[in-house]
Amino acid sequence: MISLFERQVVIWPDKALQDILNPEIVKNMISEMTKLLKKNDVRNAFEAGLSGIQTSLILPESVNLNKNELSNEIISEDSL
């Protein structure tokens, strides 16, 4: 959220992103956005914030994307 009137930038990640967007990453994103906002460049400030979020969400190579978390067991329910 950018408030030009109060001259504040707030990034408030939801619970699922709190571990990924740690306070240091958020501080860096706000810093980049603030530099642009001081120049009254709102559009590029938003883009810098979105770019920072996008960069933070890229999965590291060590994450196994082929891991099957679903059971191969057949689930059968009897209908009434």
PDB file of N, CA and C in Angstrom:
ATOM      1  N   MET A   1       0.844  -1.161   0.000  1.00  0.00           N
ATOM      2  CA  MET A   1       0.000   0.000   0.000  1.00  0.00           C
ATOM      3  C   MET A   1       0.897   1.233   0.000  1.00  0.00           C
ATOM      4  N   ILE A   2       0.577   2.155  -0.844  1.00  0.00           N
ATOM      5  CA  ILE A   2       1.298   3.426  -0.893  1.00  0.00           C
ATOM      6  C   ILE A   2       0.314   4.528  -0.527  1.00  0.00           C
ATOM      7  N   SER A   3       0.685   5.307   0.457  1.00  0.00           N
ATOM      8  CA  SER A   3      -0.121   6.458   0.833  1.00  0.00           C
ATOM      9  C   SER A   3       0.712   7.708   0.577  1.00  0.00           C
ATOM     10  N   LEU A   4       0.376   8.421  -0.496  1.00  0.00           N
ATOM     11  CA  LEU A   4       1.120   9.629  -0.821  1.00  0.00           C
ATOM     12  C   LEU A   4       0.838  10.732   0.192  1.00  0.00           C
ATOM     13  N   PHE A   5      -0.388  10.781   0.697  1.00  0.00           N
ATOM     14  CA  PHE A   5      -0.756  11.818   1.655  1.00  0.00           C
ATOM     15  C   PHE A   5       0.042  11.658   2.952  1.00  0.00           C
ATOM     16  N   GLU A   6       0.065  10.426   3.489  1.00  0.00           N
ATOM     17  CA  GLU A   6       0.812  10.178   4.725  1.00  0.00           C
ATOM     18  C   GLU A   6       2.282   9.910   4.473  1.00  0.00           C
ATOM     19  N   ARG A   7       2.650   9.805   3.183  1.00  0.00           N
ATOM     20  CA  ARG A   7       4.033   9.565   2.783  1.00  0.00           C
ATOM     21  C   ARG A   7       4.566   8.273   3.402  1.00  0.00           C
ATOM     22  N   GLN A   8       3.815   7.180   3.199  1.00  0.00           N
ATOM     23  CA  GLN A   8       4.181   5.885   3.751  1.00  0.00           C
ATOM     24  C   GLN A   8       4.022   4.796   2.711  1.00  0.00           C
ATOM     25  N   VAL A   9       4.874   3.787   2.836  1.00  0.00           N
ATOM     26  CA  VAL A   9       4.743   2.558   2.067  1.00  0.00           C
ATOM     27  C   VAL A   9       4.619   1.433   3.082  1.00  0.00           C
ATOM     28  N   VAL A  10       3.581   0.612   2.948  1.00  0.00           N
ATOM     29  CA  VAL A  10       3.369  -0.517   3.854  1.00  0.00           C
ATOM     30  C   VAL A  10       3.203  -1.773   3.018  1.00  0.00           C
ATOM     31  N   ILE A  11       3.973  -2.791   3.339  1.00  0.00           N
ATOM     32  CA  ILE A  11       3.827  -4.102   2.699  1.00  0.00           C
ATOM     33  C   ILE A  11       3.475  -5.063   3.820  1.00  0.00           C
ATOM     34  N   TRP A  12       2.308  -5.659   3.711  1.00  0.00           N
ATOM     35  CA  TRP A  12       1.793  -6.517   4.766  1.00  0.00           C
ATOM     36  C   TRP A  12       1.474  -7.890   4.171  1.00  0.00           C
ATOM     37  N   PRO A  13       2.445  -8.814   4.205  1.00  0.00           N
ATOM     38  CA  PRO A  13       2.194 -10.137   3.610  1.00  0.00           C
ATOM     39  C   PRO A  13       1.227 -10.959   4.452  1.00  0.00           C
ATOM     40  N   ASP A  14       0.443 -11.797   3.764  1.00  0.00           N
ATOM     41  CA  ASP A  14      -0.464 -12.672   4.505  1.00  0.00           C
ATOM     42  C   ASP A  14       0.348 -13.804   5.137  1.00  0.00           C
ATOM     43  N   LYS A  15      -0.322 -14.650   5.898  1.00  0.00           N
ATOM     44  CA  LYS A  15       0.362 -15.697   6.668  1.00  0.00           C
ATOM     45  C   LYS A  15       1.188 -16.628   5.789  1.00  0.00           C
ATOM     46  N   ALA A  16       0.700 -16.926   4.603  1.00  0.00           N
ATOM     47  CA  ALA A  16       1.407 -17.857   3.723  1.00  0.00           C
ATOM     48  C   ALA A  16       2.738 -17.288   3.237  1.00  0.00           C
ATOM     49  N   LEU A  17       2.861 -15.972   3.199  1.00  0.00           N
ATOM     50  CA  LEU A  17       4.079 -15.346   2.670  1.00  0.00           C
ATOM     51  C   LEU A  17       4.989 -14.778   3.750  1.00  0.00           C
ATOM     52  N   GLN A  18       4.601 -14.847   5.001  1.00  0.00           N
ATOM     53  CA  GLN A  18       5.398 -14.243   6.059  1.00  0.00           C
ATOM     54  C   GLN A  18       6.796 -14.842   6.155  1.00  0.00           C
ATOM     55  N   ASP A  19       6.938 -16.142   5.922  1.00  0.00           N
ATOM     56  CA  ASP A  19       8.256 -16.765   5.988  1.00  0.00           C
ATOM     57  C   ASP A  19       9.113 -16.401   4.781  1.00  0.00           C
ATOM     58  N   ILE A  20       8.475 -16.202   3.641  1.00  0.00           N
ATOM     59  CA  ILE A  20       9.210 -15.876   2.414  1.00  0.00           C
ATOM     60  C   ILE A  20       9.590 -14.397   2.404  1.00  0.00           C
ATOM     61  N   LEU A  21       8.627 -13.541   2.715  1.00  0.00           N
ATOM     62  CA  LEU A  21       8.876 -12.100   2.719  1.00  0.00           C
ATOM     63  C   LEU A  21       9.244 -11.669   4.136  1.00  0.00           C
ATOM     64  N   ASN A  22      10.454 -12.025   4.552  1.00  0.00           N
ATOM     65  CA  ASN A  22      10.888 -11.672   5.897  1.00  0.00           C
ATOM     66  C   ASN A  22      11.102 -10.163   6.006  1.00  0.00           C
ATOM     67  N   PRO A  23      11.232  -9.646   7.222  1.00  0.00           N
ATOM     68  CA  PRO A  23      11.344  -8.192   7.413  1.00  0.00           C
ATOM     69  C   PRO A  23      12.486  -7.532   6.623  1.00  0.00           C
ATOM     70  N   GLU A  24      13.596  -8.213   6.453  1.00  0.00           N
ATOM     71  CA  GLU A  24      14.715  -7.630   5.701  1.00  0.00           C
ATOM     72  C   GLU A  24      14.354  -7.447   4.224  1.00  0.00           C
ATOM     73  N   ILE A  25      13.695  -8.435   3.642  1.00  0.00           N
ATOM     74  CA  ILE A  25      13.278  -8.337   2.235  1.00  0.00           C
ATOM     75  C   ILE A  25      12.260  -7.210   2.073  1.00  0.00           C
ATOM     76  N   VAL A  26      11.302  -7.140   2.991  1.00  0.00           N
ATOM     77  CA  VAL A  26      10.281  -6.091   2.930  1.00  0.00           C
ATOM     78  C   VAL A  26      10.932  -4.717   3.081  1.00  0.00           C
ATOM     79  N   LYS A  27      11.883  -4.594   3.978  1.00  0.00           N
ATOM     80  CA  LYS A  27      12.588  -3.324   4.184  1.00  0.00           C
ATOM     81  C   LYS A  27      13.311  -2.896   2.916  1.00  0.00           C
ATOM     82  N   ASN A  28      13.953  -3.847   2.229  1.00  0.00           N
ATOM     83  CA  ASN A  28      14.647  -3.537   0.977  1.00  0.00           C
ATOM     84  C   ASN A  28      13.668  -3.094  -0.117  1.00  0.00           C
ATOM     85  N   MET A  29      12.524  -3.770  -0.197  1.00  0.00           N
ATOM     86  CA  MET A  29      11.520  -3.388  -1.194  1.00  0.00           C
ATOM     87  C   MET A  29      11.008  -1.978  -0.923  1.00  0.00           C
ATOM     88  N   ILE A  30      10.714  -1.690   0.332  1.00  0.00           N
ATOM     89  CA  ILE A  30      10.212  -0.365   0.691  1.00  0.00           C
ATOM     90  C   ILE A  30      11.264   0.697   0.397  1.00  0.00           C
ATOM     91  N   SER A  31      12.520   0.371   0.642  1.00  0.00           N
ATOM     92  CA  SER A  31      13.602   1.317   0.366  1.00  0.00           C
ATOM     93  C   SER A  31      13.659   1.671  -1.118  1.00  0.00           C
ATOM     94  N   GLU A  32      13.566   0.654  -1.975  1.00  0.00           N
ATOM     95  CA  GLU A  32      13.584   0.899  -3.424  1.00  0.00           C
ATOM     96  C   GLU A  32      12.370   1.720  -3.858  1.00  0.00           C
ATOM     97  N   MET A  33      11.217   1.397  -3.290  1.00  0.00           N
ATOM     98  CA  MET A  33       9.995   2.124  -3.638  1.00  0.00           C
ATOM     99  C   MET A  33      10.076   3.578  -3.169  1.00  0.00           C
ATOM    100  N   THR A  34      10.624   3.790  -1.979  1.00  0.00           N
ATOM    101  CA  THR A  34      10.714   5.134  -1.416  1.00  0.00           C
ATOM    102  C   THR A  34      11.590   6.050  -2.268  1.00  0.00           C
ATOM    103  N   LYS A  35      12.694   5.509  -2.789  1.00  0.00           N
ATOM    104  CA  LYS A  35      13.566   6.296  -3.662  1.00  0.00           C
ATOM    105  C   LYS A  35      12.787   6.856  -4.850  1.00  0.00           C
ATOM    106  N   LEU A  36      11.957   6.017  -5.432  1.00  0.00           N
ATOM    107  CA  LEU A  36      11.174   6.433  -6.598  1.00  0.00           C
ATOM    108  C   LEU A  36      10.040   7.383  -6.210  1.00  0.00           C
ATOM    109  N   LEU A  37       9.436   7.147  -5.066  1.00  0.00           N
ATOM    110  CA  LEU A  37       8.345   8.013  -4.623  1.00  0.00           C
ATOM    111  C   LEU A  37       8.848   9.412  -4.292  1.00  0.00           C
ATOM    112  N   LYS A  38      10.081   9.521  -3.825  1.00  0.00           N
ATOM    113  CA  LYS A  38      10.653  10.847  -3.555  1.00  0.00           C
ATOM    114  C   LYS A  38      10.779  11.660  -4.835  1.00  0.00           C
ATOM    115  N   LYS A  39      10.876  10.955  -5.969  1.00  0.00           N
ATOM    116  CA  LYS A  39      10.938  11.615  -7.277  1.00  0.00           C
ATOM    117  C   LYS A  39       9.542  11.767  -7.885  1.00  0.00           C
ATOM    118  N   ASN A  40       8.506  11.408  -7.098  1.00  0.00           N
ATOM    119  CA  ASN A  40       7.111  11.443  -7.535  1.00  0.00           C
ATOM    120  C   ASN A  40       6.859  10.482  -8.704  1.00  0.00           C
ATOM    121  N   ASP A  41       7.579   9.382  -8.718  1.00  0.00           N
ATOM    122  CA  ASP A  41       7.466   8.372  -9.765  1.00  0.00           C
ATOM    123  C   ASP A  41       6.666   7.182  -9.225  1.00  0.00           C
ATOM    124  N   VAL A  42       5.358   7.372  -9.099  1.00  0.00           N
ATOM    125  CA  VAL A  42       4.481   6.388  -8.461  1.00  0.00           C
ATOM    126  C   VAL A  42       4.433   5.086  -9.266  1.00  0.00           C
ATOM    127  N   ARG A  43       4.323   5.203 -10.571  1.00  0.00           N
ATOM    128  CA  ARG A  43       4.208   4.007 -11.424  1.00  0.00           C
ATOM    129  C   ARG A  43       5.411   3.092 -11.242  1.00  0.00           C
ATOM    130  N   ASN A  44       6.610   3.645 -11.328  1.00  0.00           N
ATOM    131  CA  ASN A  44       7.805   2.817 -11.186  1.00  0.00           C
ATOM    132  C   ASN A  44       8.011   2.332  -9.754  1.00  0.00           C
ATOM    133  N   ALA A  45       7.482   3.072  -8.785  1.00  0.00           N
ATOM    134  CA  ALA A  45       7.540   2.609  -7.392  1.00  0.00           C
ATOM    135  C   ALA A  45       6.700   1.341  -7.230  1.00  0.00           C
ATOM    136  N   PHE A  46       5.498   1.359  -7.814  1.00  0.00           N
ATOM    137  CA  PHE A  46       4.660   0.150  -7.779  1.00  0.00           C
ATOM    138  C   PHE A  46       5.368  -1.006  -8.481  1.00  0.00           C
ATOM    139  N   GLU A  47       5.938  -0.730  -9.636  1.00  0.00           N
ATOM    140  CA  GLU A  47       6.637  -1.783 -10.376  1.00  0.00           C
ATOM    141  C   GLU A  47       7.819  -2.328  -9.589  1.00  0.00           C
ATOM    142  N   ALA A  48       8.543  -1.466  -8.891  1.00  0.00           N
ATOM    143  CA  ALA A  48       9.674  -1.919  -8.075  1.00  0.00           C
ATOM    144  C   ALA A  48       9.181  -2.824  -6.946  1.00  0.00           C
ATOM    145  N   GLY A  49       8.055  -2.462  -6.335  1.00  0.00           N
ATOM    146  CA  GLY A  49       7.491  -3.294  -5.277  1.00  0.00           C
ATOM    147  C   GLY A  49       7.046  -4.650  -5.798  1.00  0.00           C
ATOM    148  N   LEU A  50       6.357  -4.644  -6.921  1.00  0.00           N
ATOM    149  CA  LEU A  50       5.908  -5.906  -7.515  1.00  0.00           C
ATOM    150  C   LEU A  50       7.088  -6.763  -7.964  1.00  0.00           C
ATOM    151  N   SER A  51       8.104  -6.122  -8.497  1.00  0.00           N
ATOM    152  CA  SER A  51       9.293  -6.853  -8.920  1.00  0.00           C
ATOM    153  C   SER A  51       9.990  -7.495  -7.719  1.00  0.00           C
ATOM    154  N   GLY A  52      10.036  -6.767  -6.611  1.00  0.00           N
ATOM    155  CA  GLY A  52      10.634  -7.319  -5.401  1.00  0.00           C
ATOM    156  C   GLY A  52       9.872  -8.523  -4.884  1.00  0.00           C
ATOM    157  N   ILE A  53       8.549  -8.439  -4.931  1.00  0.00           N
ATOM    158  CA  ILE A  53       7.722  -9.572  -4.502  1.00  0.00           C
ATOM    159  C   ILE A  53       7.936 -10.753  -5.442  1.00  0.00           C
ATOM    160  N   GLN A  54       7.945 -10.497  -6.731  1.00  0.00           N
ATOM    161  CA  GLN A  54       8.137 -11.551  -7.717  1.00  0.00           C
ATOM    162  C   GLN A  54       9.483 -12.247  -7.516  1.00  0.00           C
ATOM    163  N   THR A  55      10.523 -11.469  -7.327  1.00  0.00           N
ATOM    164  CA  THR A  55      11.857 -12.033  -7.119  1.00  0.00           C
ATOM    165  C   THR A  55      11.896 -12.894  -5.863  1.00  0.00           C
ATOM    166  N   SER A  56      11.210 -12.460  -4.818  1.00  0.00           N
ATOM    167  CA  SER A  56      11.197 -13.203  -3.557  1.00  0.00           C
ATOM    168  C   SER A  56      10.425 -14.509  -3.663  1.00  0.00           C
ATOM    169  N   LEU A  57       9.465 -14.572  -4.585  1.00  0.00           N
ATOM    170  CA  LEU A  57       8.632 -15.769  -4.701  1.00  0.00           C
ATOM    171  C   LEU A  57       9.218 -16.829  -5.618  1.00  0.00           C
ATOM    172  N   ILE A  58      10.312 -16.518  -6.302  1.00  0.00           N
ATOM    173  CA  ILE A  58      10.943 -17.514  -7.171  1.00  0.00           C
ATOM    174  C   ILE A  58      11.516 -18.612  -6.290  1.00  0.00           C
ATOM    175  N   LEU A  59      11.155 -19.843  -6.597  1.00  0.00           N
ATOM    176  CA  LEU A  59      11.588 -20.971  -5.787  1.00  0.00           C
ATOM    177  C   LEU A  59      13.065 -21.280  -6.018  1.00  0.00           C
ATOM    178  N   PRO A  60      13.776 -21.612  -4.948  1.00  0.00           N
ATOM    179  CA  PRO A  60      15.167 -22.006  -5.134  1.00  0.00           C
ATOM    180  C   PRO A  60      15.251 -23.340  -5.878  1.00  0.00           C
ATOM    181  N   GLU A  61      16.388 -23.579  -6.508  1.00  0.00           N
ATOM    182  CA  GLU A  61      16.552 -24.816  -7.293  1.00  0.00           C
ATOM    183  C   GLU A  61      16.494 -26.061  -6.429  1.00  0.00           C
ATOM    184  N   SER A  62      16.742 -25.914  -5.133  1.00  0.00           N
ATOM    185  CA  SER A  62      16.750 -27.073  -4.247  1.00  0.00           C
ATOM    186  C   SER A  62      15.347 -27.619  -3.969  1.00  0.00           C
ATOM    187  N   VAL A  63      14.319 -26.864  -4.331  1.00  0.00           N
ATOM    188  CA  VAL A  63      12.950 -27.323  -4.102  1.00  0.00           C
ATOM    189  C   VAL A  63      12.584 -28.346  -5.173  1.00  0.00           C
ATOM    190  N   ASN A  64      12.100 -29.501  -4.744  1.00  0.00           N
ATOM    191  CA  ASN A  64      11.738 -30.571  -5.669  1.00  0.00           C
ATOM    192  C   ASN A  64      10.299 -30.366  -6.132  1.00  0.00           C
ATOM    193  N   LEU A  65      10.143 -29.861  -7.353  1.00  0.00           N
ATOM    194  CA  LEU A  65       8.801 -29.611  -7.881  1.00  0.00           C
ATOM    195  C   LEU A  65       8.107 -30.886  -8.352  1.00  0.00           C
ATOM    196  N   ASN A  66       8.851 -31.968  -8.500  1.00  0.00           N
ATOM    197  CA  ASN A  66       8.268 -33.215  -8.968  1.00  0.00           C
ATOM    198  C   ASN A  66       7.769 -34.089  -7.821  1.00  0.00           C
ATOM    199  N   LYS A  67       7.900 -33.601  -6.606  1.00  0.00           N
ATOM    200  CA  LYS A  67       7.439 -34.357  -5.450  1.00  0.00           C
ATOM    201  C   LYS A  67       5.923 -34.511  -5.508  1.00  0.00           C
ATOM    202  N   ASN A  68       5.448 -35.732  -5.400  1.00  0.00           N
ATOM    203  CA  ASN A  68       4.020 -36.013  -5.445  1.00  0.00           C
ATOM    204  C   ASN A  68       3.489 -36.030  -4.018  1.00  0.00           C
ATOM    205  N   GLU A  69       2.738 -35.022  -3.646  1.00  0.00           N
ATOM    206  CA  GLU A  69       2.195 -34.945  -2.293  1.00  0.00           C
ATOM    207  C   GLU A  69       0.818 -35.588  -2.188  1.00  0.00           C
ATOM    208  N   LEU A  70       0.280 -36.040  -3.308  1.00  0.00           N
ATOM    209  CA  LEU A  70      -1.027 -36.689  -3.289  1.00  0.00           C
ATOM    210  C   LEU A  70      -0.850 -38.194  -3.201  1.00  0.00           C
ATOM    211  N   SER A  71      -1.719 -38.813  -2.461  1.00  0.00           N
ATOM    212  CA  SER A  71      -1.675 -40.258  -2.302  1.00  0.00           C
ATOM    213  C   SER A  71      -2.107 -40.952  -3.592  1.00  0.00           C
ATOM    214  N   ASN A  72      -1.496 -42.082  -3.888  1.00  0.00           N
ATOM    215  CA  ASN A  72      -1.896 -42.888  -5.040  1.00  0.00           C
ATOM    216  C   ASN A  72      -2.978 -43.893  -4.660  1.00  0.00           C
ATOM    217  N   GLU A  73      -3.388 -43.863  -3.414  1.00  0.00           N
ATOM    218  CA  GLU A  73      -4.408 -44.770  -2.909  1.00  0.00           C
ATOM    219  C   GLU A  73      -5.771 -44.411  -3.490  1.00  0.00           C
ATOM    220  N   ILE A  74      -6.520 -45.431  -3.872  1.00  0.00           N
ATOM    221  CA  ILE A  74      -7.869 -45.201  -4.395  1.00  0.00           C
ATOM    222  C   ILE A  74      -8.818 -44.984  -3.223  1.00  0.00           C
ATOM    223  N   ILE A  75      -9.555 -43.907  -3.323  1.00  0.00           N
ATOM    224  CA  ILE A  75     -10.515 -43.581  -2.263  1.00  0.00           C
ATOM    225  C   ILE A  75     -11.908 -43.837  -2.831  1.00  0.00           C
ATOM    226  N   SER A  76     -12.631 -44.679  -2.150  1.00  0.00           N
ATOM    227  CA  SER A  76     -13.957 -45.038  -2.607  1.00  0.00           C
ATOM    228  C   SER A  76     -14.957 -44.736  -1.489  1.00  0.00           C
ATOM    229  N   GLU A  77     -15.983 -44.033  -1.857  1.00  0.00           N
ATOM    230  CA  GLU A  77     -17.051 -43.763  -0.898  1.00  0.00           C
ATOM    231  C   GLU A  77     -18.339 -44.377  -1.402  1.00  0.00           C
ATOM    232  N   ASP A  78     -19.009 -45.074  -0.520  1.00  0.00           N
ATOM    233  CA  ASP A  78     -20.298 -45.683  -0.870  1.00  0.00           C
ATOM    234  C   ASP A  78     -21.385 -44.625  -0.805  1.00  0.00           C
ATOM    235  N   SER A  79     -22.152 -44.509  -1.877  1.00  0.00           N
ATOM    236  CA  SER A  79     -23.243 -43.535  -1.853  1.00  0.00           C
ATOM    237  C   SER A  79     -24.458 -44.154  -1.185  1.00  0.00           C
ATOM    238  N   LEU A  80     -25.255 -43.338  -0.554  1.00  0.00           N
ATOM    239  CA  LEU A  80     -26.450 -43.846   0.160  1.00  0.00           C
ATOM    240  C   LEU A  80     -27.622 -43.927  -0.752  1.00  0.00           C
TER     241      LEU A  80
END
